[in-house]
N, C-alpha and C. Protein backbone atom coordinates (compact mmCIF):
# COMPACT_ATOMS: atom_id res chain seq x y z
N MET A 1 5.29 14.67 7.45
CA MET A 1 4.97 13.75 6.21
C MET A 1 4.12 12.68 6.92
N PRO A 2 2.83 12.28 6.52
CA PRO A 2 1.90 11.64 7.25
C PRO A 2 2.32 10.08 6.86
N PHE A 3 2.22 9.31 8.29
CA PHE A 3 2.69 8.02 7.92
C PHE A 3 1.24 7.09 8.71
N PRO A 4 1.36 5.87 8.96
CA PRO A 4 0.21 5.35 9.69
C PRO A 4 -0.50 5.74 10.43
N ASN A 5 -1.89 5.64 10.84
CA ASN A 5 -2.54 6.32 11.76
C ASN A 5 -1.88 5.68 13.19
N GLY A 6 -2.33 6.87 13.99
CA GLY A 6 -1.82 6.44 15.36
C GLY A 6 -2.75 5.76 16.27
N ALA A 7 -2.47 5.35 17.50
CA ALA A 7 -3.52 4.40 17.98
C ALA A 7 -5.06 5.17 18.34
N ASP A 8 -5.11 6.61 18.10
CA ASP A 8 -6.47 7.28 17.91
C ASP A 8 -6.88 7.34 16.72
N GLY A 9 -6.30 6.94 15.59
CA GLY A 9 -6.80 6.68 14.02
C GLY A 9 -6.55 8.39 13.22
N HIS A 10 -5.62 9.09 14.11
CA HIS A 10 -5.38 10.49 13.38
C HIS A 10 -3.85 10.15 12.58
N ARG A 11 -3.61 10.85 11.43
CA ARG A 11 -2.28 10.55 11.18
C ARG A 11 -1.24 11.45 11.80
N ARG A 12 -0.37 10.96 12.16
CA ARG A 12 0.77 11.54 12.66
C ARG A 12 1.91 12.07 11.82
N PRO A 13 2.33 13.25 12.08
CA PRO A 13 3.17 13.68 11.03
C PRO A 13 4.59 13.14 11.64
N THR A 14 5.33 12.79 10.98
CA THR A 14 6.73 12.58 11.62
C THR A 14 8.18 13.51 10.89
N PRO A 15 9.06 13.71 11.71
CA PRO A 15 10.06 14.68 10.88
C PRO A 15 10.92 13.60 9.97
N ALA A 16 11.53 14.44 9.22
CA ALA A 16 12.05 13.70 7.84
C ALA A 16 13.38 12.62 8.69
N PRO A 17 13.53 11.91 8.34
CA PRO A 17 14.89 10.90 9.05
C PRO A 17 16.25 11.75 8.59
N ALA A 18 17.16 11.55 9.74
CA ALA A 18 18.48 12.28 9.89
C ALA A 18 19.09 11.60 8.62
N GLY A 19 19.85 12.69 7.68
CA GLY A 19 20.72 12.67 6.64
C GLY A 19 20.12 12.67 5.18
N VAL A 20 18.29 12.38 5.45
CA VAL A 20 17.45 12.46 4.27
C VAL A 20 17.06 13.76 4.17
N PRO A 21 17.23 14.62 2.81
CA PRO A 21 16.79 15.98 2.97
C PRO A 21 15.43 15.85 2.91
N PRO A 22 14.44 16.85 3.66
CA PRO A 22 13.16 17.16 3.82
C PRO A 22 12.62 17.18 2.52
N THR A 23 13.21 18.00 2.05
CA THR A 23 12.61 17.85 0.24
C THR A 23 12.68 16.65 -0.65
N TYR A 24 13.38 15.89 -0.15
CA TYR A 24 13.28 14.43 -0.79
C TYR A 24 11.80 13.53 -0.36
N VAL A 25 11.68 14.07 1.15
CA VAL A 25 10.57 13.22 2.00
C VAL A 25 9.38 13.91 1.26
N ARG A 26 9.34 15.07 1.12
CA ARG A 26 8.14 16.02 0.69
C ARG A 26 7.89 15.38 -0.54
N TYR A 27 8.70 15.32 -1.53
CA TYR A 27 8.77 14.70 -2.65
C TYR A 27 7.80 13.25 -2.83
N LEU A 28 8.80 12.49 -2.15
CA LEU A 28 8.30 11.24 -1.96
C LEU A 28 6.57 11.10 -1.46
N ARG A 29 5.94 12.02 -0.52
CA ARG A 29 4.57 12.26 0.19
C ARG A 29 4.06 12.70 -1.29
N ASP A 30 4.47 13.58 -1.62
CA ASP A 30 3.49 14.06 -2.84
C ASP A 30 3.35 13.26 -3.86
N ARG A 31 4.21 12.43 -4.00
CA ARG A 31 4.25 11.62 -5.19
C ARG A 31 3.17 10.45 -4.79
N LEU A 32 3.23 10.22 -3.32
CA LEU A 32 2.46 8.95 -2.83
C LEU A 32 0.84 9.49 -3.04
N LEU A 33 0.59 10.83 -2.53
CA LEU A 33 -0.52 11.31 -2.58
C LEU A 33 -1.16 11.20 -4.28
N GLU A 34 -0.16 11.57 -5.31
CA GLU A 34 -0.74 11.71 -6.77
C GLU A 34 -1.17 10.24 -7.21
N ALA A 35 -0.07 9.23 -6.77
CA ALA A 35 -0.44 7.96 -6.54
C ALA A 35 -1.86 7.73 -6.56
N GLU A 36 -2.27 8.07 -5.41
CA GLU A 36 -2.99 7.70 -4.58
C GLU A 36 -4.62 8.18 -5.31
N ALA A 37 -4.45 9.49 -6.02
CA ALA A 37 -5.41 10.00 -6.75
C ALA A 37 -5.53 9.53 -7.82
N GLY A 38 -4.21 9.17 -9.00
CA GLY A 38 -4.31 8.89 -9.95
C GLY A 38 -5.29 7.31 -9.81
N LEU A 39 -4.89 6.58 -8.99
CA LEU A 39 -5.32 5.02 -8.91
C LEU A 39 -7.19 5.06 -8.31
N THR A 40 -7.19 6.07 -7.62
CA THR A 40 -8.81 6.25 -7.52
C THR A 40 -9.40 6.87 -8.81
N ALA A 41 -8.56 8.00 -9.68
CA ALA A 41 -9.06 8.04 -11.23
C ALA A 41 -9.62 7.00 -11.86
N MET A 42 -8.48 6.41 -11.96
CA MET A 42 -7.96 5.11 -13.18
C MET A 42 -9.13 4.00 -12.51
N ASN A 43 -9.33 3.67 -11.48
CA ASN A 43 -10.16 2.65 -11.16
C ASN A 43 -11.49 3.09 -11.11
N GLU A 44 -12.03 4.03 -11.39
CA GLU A 44 -13.46 4.62 -11.41
C GLU A 44 -13.52 4.35 -12.94
N ARG A 45 -12.66 5.05 -13.83
CA ARG A 45 -12.90 4.71 -15.07
C ARG A 45 -13.04 3.16 -15.56
N TYR A 46 -12.12 2.26 -14.89
CA TYR A 46 -12.20 0.94 -15.26
C TYR A 46 -13.26 0.51 -14.98
N GLU A 47 -13.88 0.96 -13.71
CA GLU A 47 -15.19 0.19 -13.60
C GLU A 47 -16.44 0.83 -14.30
N ARG A 48 -16.40 2.02 -14.74
CA ARG A 48 -17.36 2.39 -15.87
C ARG A 48 -17.34 1.89 -16.94
N THR A 49 -15.98 1.77 -17.34
CA THR A 49 -15.96 1.03 -18.67
C THR A 49 -16.19 -0.45 -18.62
N LYS A 50 -15.85 -1.26 -17.60
CA LYS A 50 -16.61 -2.67 -17.58
C LYS A 50 -17.99 -2.91 -17.30
N ALA A 51 -18.40 -1.58 -16.80
CA ALA A 51 -19.66 -1.84 -16.32
C ALA A 51 -20.44 -1.35 -18.28
N GLY A 52 -19.98 -0.46 -18.61
CA GLY A 52 -20.47 -0.48 -19.67
C GLY A 52 -20.37 -1.71 -20.79
N PHE A 53 -18.95 -2.61 -20.80
CA PHE A 53 -18.63 -3.51 -21.51
C PHE A 53 -19.87 -4.69 -20.88
N ASP A 54 -20.03 -5.19 -19.47
CA ASP A 54 -20.71 -6.03 -19.24
C ASP A 54 -22.45 -5.95 -19.68
N ARG A 55 -22.69 -4.44 -19.65
CA ARG A 55 -24.40 -4.05 -19.90
C ARG A 55 -24.39 -4.60 -21.55
N CYS A 56 -23.15 -3.93 -22.36
CA CYS A 56 -23.24 -4.62 -23.88
C CYS A 56 -23.57 -6.34 -24.21
N TYR A 57 -22.88 -6.82 -23.26
CA TYR A 57 -22.73 -8.09 -23.71
C TYR A 57 -23.63 -8.94 -22.88
N ALA A 58 -24.31 -8.33 -21.78
CA ALA A 58 -25.38 -8.93 -20.95
C ALA A 58 -26.84 -9.15 -22.32
N ARG A 59 -26.82 -7.82 -22.87
CA ARG A 59 -27.68 -7.40 -24.10
C ARG A 59 -27.71 -8.83 -25.29
N ARG A 60 -26.44 -9.47 -25.35
CA ARG A 60 -26.28 -10.44 -26.21
C ARG A 60 -26.35 -11.78 -25.59
N GLY A 61 -26.98 -12.00 -24.20
CA GLY A 61 -26.65 -13.02 -23.50
C GLY A 61 -25.59 -13.62 -22.89
N ILE A 62 -23.98 -12.67 -23.19
CA ILE A 62 -23.34 -13.51 -22.38
C ILE A 62 -22.75 -12.41 -21.31
N THR A 63 -22.88 -13.70 -19.79
CA THR A 63 -22.57 -13.14 -18.93
C THR A 63 -21.50 -14.11 -18.18
N PRO A 64 -20.91 -13.66 -16.97
CA PRO A 64 -20.20 -14.74 -16.42
C PRO A 64 -20.93 -15.93 -15.86
N ASP A 65 -22.63 -15.94 -15.53
CA ASP A 65 -23.21 -16.77 -15.25
C ASP A 65 -23.31 -17.59 -16.16
N THR A 66 -23.82 -17.07 -17.40
CA THR A 66 -24.42 -18.14 -18.52
C THR A 66 -23.14 -18.36 -19.35
N ASP A 67 -22.18 -18.12 -19.90
CA ASP A 67 -21.19 -17.95 -20.65
C ASP A 67 -19.90 -17.89 -20.07
N ILE A 68 -19.54 -18.46 -19.47
CA ILE A 68 -18.07 -17.77 -18.62
C ILE A 68 -16.73 -17.67 -19.91
N VAL A 69 -16.83 -19.05 -20.56
CA VAL A 69 -16.03 -18.96 -21.88
C VAL A 69 -15.95 -17.68 -22.63
N GLY A 70 -17.06 -17.61 -23.18
CA GLY A 70 -17.78 -16.54 -23.85
C GLY A 70 -16.98 -15.26 -23.41
N TYR A 71 -17.38 -15.03 -22.49
CA TYR A 71 -17.28 -13.55 -21.25
C TYR A 71 -15.53 -13.19 -21.46
N ILE A 72 -14.99 -14.16 -20.97
CA ILE A 72 -13.76 -14.07 -20.55
C ILE A 72 -12.86 -13.57 -22.36
N ASN A 73 -13.37 -14.61 -22.99
CA ASN A 73 -12.68 -14.28 -24.50
C ASN A 73 -12.96 -13.09 -25.05
N ALA A 74 -14.53 -12.65 -24.82
CA ALA A 74 -14.65 -11.06 -25.42
C ALA A 74 -13.99 -10.29 -24.45
N LYS A 75 -14.01 -10.23 -22.99
CA LYS A 75 -13.23 -9.15 -21.92
C LYS A 75 -11.73 -9.18 -22.75
N ALA A 76 -10.87 -10.20 -22.98
CA ALA A 76 -9.88 -10.55 -23.47
C ALA A 76 -9.41 -9.91 -24.84
N LEU A 77 -10.49 -9.74 -25.65
CA LEU A 77 -10.35 -8.95 -26.77
C LEU A 77 -10.57 -7.60 -26.71
N ASN A 78 -11.15 -7.15 -25.62
CA ASN A 78 -11.64 -5.56 -25.48
C ASN A 78 -10.36 -4.72 -25.33
N PRO A 79 -9.84 -3.96 -26.24
CA PRO A 79 -8.86 -2.87 -26.04
C PRO A 79 -8.66 -1.71 -24.90
N GLU A 80 -10.28 -1.69 -24.43
CA GLU A 80 -10.38 -0.30 -23.56
C GLU A 80 -10.06 -0.98 -22.43
N LEU A 81 -10.90 -2.26 -22.16
CA LEU A 81 -10.53 -2.68 -21.00
C LEU A 81 -9.12 -2.84 -20.44
N LYS A 82 -8.59 -3.37 -21.42
CA LYS A 82 -7.27 -3.85 -21.08
C LYS A 82 -6.28 -2.33 -20.90
N PHE A 83 -6.69 -1.10 -21.56
CA PHE A 83 -6.00 0.01 -21.45
C PHE A 83 -6.10 0.38 -20.16
N TRP A 84 -7.45 0.72 -19.45
CA TRP A 84 -7.77 1.28 -18.19
C TRP A 84 -7.04 0.27 -17.05
N TYR A 85 -7.26 -1.02 -17.51
CA TYR A 85 -6.79 -2.04 -16.18
C TYR A 85 -5.26 -1.81 -16.10
N ALA A 86 -4.48 -1.34 -17.35
CA ALA A 86 -2.93 -1.52 -17.37
C ALA A 86 -3.09 0.05 -16.46
N LYS A 87 -3.62 1.13 -16.50
CA LYS A 87 -3.57 2.28 -16.02
C LYS A 87 -3.86 1.80 -14.32
N VAL A 88 -4.48 0.74 -14.09
CA VAL A 88 -4.88 1.16 -12.52
C VAL A 88 -3.54 0.05 -12.20
N GLU A 89 -3.51 -0.77 -12.66
CA GLU A 89 -1.84 -1.59 -12.34
C GLU A 89 -0.75 -0.64 -12.38
N HIS A 90 -0.57 0.25 -13.08
CA HIS A 90 0.54 1.16 -13.07
C HIS A 90 0.16 1.93 -11.58
N PHE A 91 -0.66 2.60 -11.22
CA PHE A 91 -0.81 3.24 -10.12
C PHE A 91 -0.71 2.54 -9.06
N GLN A 92 -1.17 1.32 -8.95
CA GLN A 92 -0.99 0.59 -8.03
C GLN A 92 0.42 0.44 -7.62
N ARG A 93 1.11 0.08 -8.59
CA ARG A 93 2.74 -0.18 -8.39
C ARG A 93 3.22 1.09 -7.95
N GLU A 94 2.86 2.42 -8.36
CA GLU A 94 3.35 3.67 -8.01
C GLU A 94 3.07 4.04 -6.51
N LEU A 95 1.94 3.38 -6.35
CA LEU A 95 1.61 3.58 -4.41
C LEU A 95 2.35 2.71 -3.94
N ALA A 96 2.57 1.81 -4.28
CA ALA A 96 3.47 0.32 -3.71
C ALA A 96 4.42 1.13 -3.10
N ALA A 97 5.40 1.61 -4.39
CA ALA A 97 6.65 2.25 -4.42
C ALA A 97 6.79 3.27 -3.44
N TYR A 98 6.06 4.29 -3.41
CA TYR A 98 6.38 5.15 -2.80
C TYR A 98 6.00 4.83 -1.28
N GLY A 99 5.08 4.32 -1.12
CA GLY A 99 4.74 3.81 0.49
C GLY A 99 5.77 3.37 1.10
N ALA A 100 6.42 2.06 0.14
CA ALA A 100 7.36 1.31 0.72
C ALA A 100 8.52 2.29 0.85
N ALA A 101 8.90 3.20 0.22
CA ALA A 101 10.04 4.24 0.43
C ALA A 101 9.93 5.06 1.42
N LEU A 102 8.79 5.65 1.87
CA LEU A 102 8.46 6.37 2.72
C LEU A 102 8.22 5.48 4.02
N THR A 103 7.91 4.29 4.09
CA THR A 103 7.92 3.12 5.23
C THR A 103 9.33 2.91 5.56
N GLY A 104 10.23 2.44 4.58
CA GLY A 104 11.53 2.54 4.45
C GLY A 104 12.20 3.18 5.42
N LEU A 105 12.04 4.83 4.83
CA LEU A 105 12.92 6.03 5.60
C LEU A 105 12.50 5.67 7.00
N ALA A 106 11.20 5.81 7.10
CA ALA A 106 10.63 5.93 8.67
C ALA A 106 11.32 4.89 9.79
N ALA A 107 11.12 3.66 9.04
CA ALA A 107 12.15 2.33 9.70
C ALA A 107 13.51 2.83 9.95
N ALA A 108 14.16 3.13 8.89
CA ALA A 108 15.47 3.32 8.71
C ALA A 108 15.96 4.43 10.06
N ASP A 109 14.94 5.54 10.14
CA ASP A 109 15.24 6.45 11.05
C ASP A 109 15.01 5.59 12.78
N GLN A 110 13.91 4.83 12.82
CA GLN A 110 14.07 4.43 14.14
C GLN A 110 14.98 3.52 14.30
N MET A 111 15.53 2.96 13.36
CA MET A 111 16.59 1.93 13.67
C MET A 111 17.83 2.70 14.46
N LEU A 112 18.05 3.80 13.52
CA LEU A 112 19.28 4.47 13.33
C LEU A 112 19.56 5.62 14.36
N ALA A 113 18.13 5.59 15.29
CA ALA A 113 18.13 6.91 16.13
C ALA A 113 19.20 6.93 17.14
N VAL A 114 19.94 8.06 17.45
CA VAL A 114 20.91 7.94 18.39
C VAL A 114 20.42 8.65 19.58
N ASP A 115 19.34 9.35 19.75
CA ASP A 115 18.69 10.22 21.10
C ASP A 115 17.83 8.68 21.77
N ALA A 116 17.45 7.90 21.48
CA ALA A 116 16.86 7.04 21.83
C ALA A 116 17.41 6.23 22.94
N PRO A 117 16.90 6.06 24.23
CA PRO A 117 17.32 5.43 25.49
C PRO A 117 17.73 3.81 24.75
N ARG A 118 19.00 3.48 25.27
CA ARG A 118 19.23 2.42 25.00
C ARG A 118 19.36 1.51 26.37
N VAL A 119 18.80 0.31 26.31
CA VAL A 119 18.86 -0.41 27.75
C VAL A 119 20.06 -1.93 27.23
N PRO A 120 20.94 -1.83 28.11
CA PRO A 120 21.71 -3.13 28.02
C PRO A 120 21.24 -4.22 27.76
N ALA A 121 21.46 -5.37 27.24
CA ALA A 121 20.69 -6.30 26.58
C ALA A 121 20.25 -7.23 28.23
N ASP A 122 21.40 -7.41 28.97
CA ASP A 122 21.33 -8.06 30.15
C ASP A 122 20.12 -7.45 31.25
N ARG A 123 19.72 -6.19 31.05
CA ARG A 123 18.86 -5.35 31.74
C ARG A 123 17.40 -5.47 31.10
N GLN A 124 17.01 -5.79 29.98
CA GLN A 124 15.95 -5.99 29.53
C GLN A 124 14.90 -6.82 29.83
N ARG A 125 15.32 -8.17 30.37
CA ARG A 125 14.30 -8.64 31.01
C ARG A 125 14.13 -8.43 32.49
N VAL A 126 13.11 -8.28 32.93
CA VAL A 126 12.86 -8.30 34.49
C VAL A 126 13.20 -9.56 35.31
N ARG A 127 13.95 -9.40 36.18
CA ARG A 127 14.14 -10.54 36.72
C ARG A 127 13.48 -10.84 37.95
N THR A 128 12.88 -11.96 38.27
CA THR A 128 11.79 -12.16 39.02
C THR A 128 12.37 -12.53 40.65
N GLY A 129 13.39 -13.26 40.37
CA GLY A 129 14.39 -13.96 41.23
C GLY A 129 13.72 -15.44 41.81
N ARG A 130 12.67 -15.97 40.74
CA ARG A 130 12.21 -17.17 40.67
C ARG A 130 12.91 -18.02 39.96
N PRO A 131 12.89 -19.40 40.01
CA PRO A 131 13.73 -20.00 38.91
C PRO A 131 13.18 -20.08 37.53
N ASN A 132 13.47 -20.25 36.36
CA ASN A 132 12.64 -20.75 35.10
C ASN A 132 11.83 -21.90 35.42
N LEU A 133 10.64 -21.81 35.32
CA LEU A 133 9.65 -23.17 35.40
C LEU A 133 9.35 -23.56 34.31
N ASN A 134 9.86 -22.76 33.00
CA ASN A 134 9.42 -23.24 31.66
C ASN A 134 10.69 -24.24 31.33
N ARG A 135 11.86 -24.58 32.14
CA ARG A 135 13.16 -25.25 31.58
C ARG A 135 12.69 -26.56 31.76
N VAL A 136 13.20 -27.14 30.36
CA VAL A 136 13.10 -28.69 30.56
C VAL A 136 14.35 -29.52 31.36
N GLY A 137 13.96 -29.67 32.27
CA GLY A 137 15.33 -30.48 33.04
C GLY A 137 15.28 -31.67 33.69
């Protein structure tokens, strides 16, 4: 399953977290990719629709630079712009939800990993034998 890029910029596949069925992780990954494709498509549709709206109202002399109030009112009354923007928002929410689920599973797997070597808390800091110079005293 692809996760954020590694140090060299390439996506790293990681195994499914322990206790989570691999089919569920694949499902989440596939839904994430579908949401990403849907967001791209809906964003393009919205941008095309908005460009047509802007051209139409620019011919009437209503632009954000000349008449911001009229432009905002016209934009608010345009049902097609509202529709495509709602679609964009829907896919943004889906993308965030599936991405968060996959990231959460990966983080939980790292936190609960039993094979990871554990260092006792008292040995984590390297002692230099010098007194602590930052201590107020």
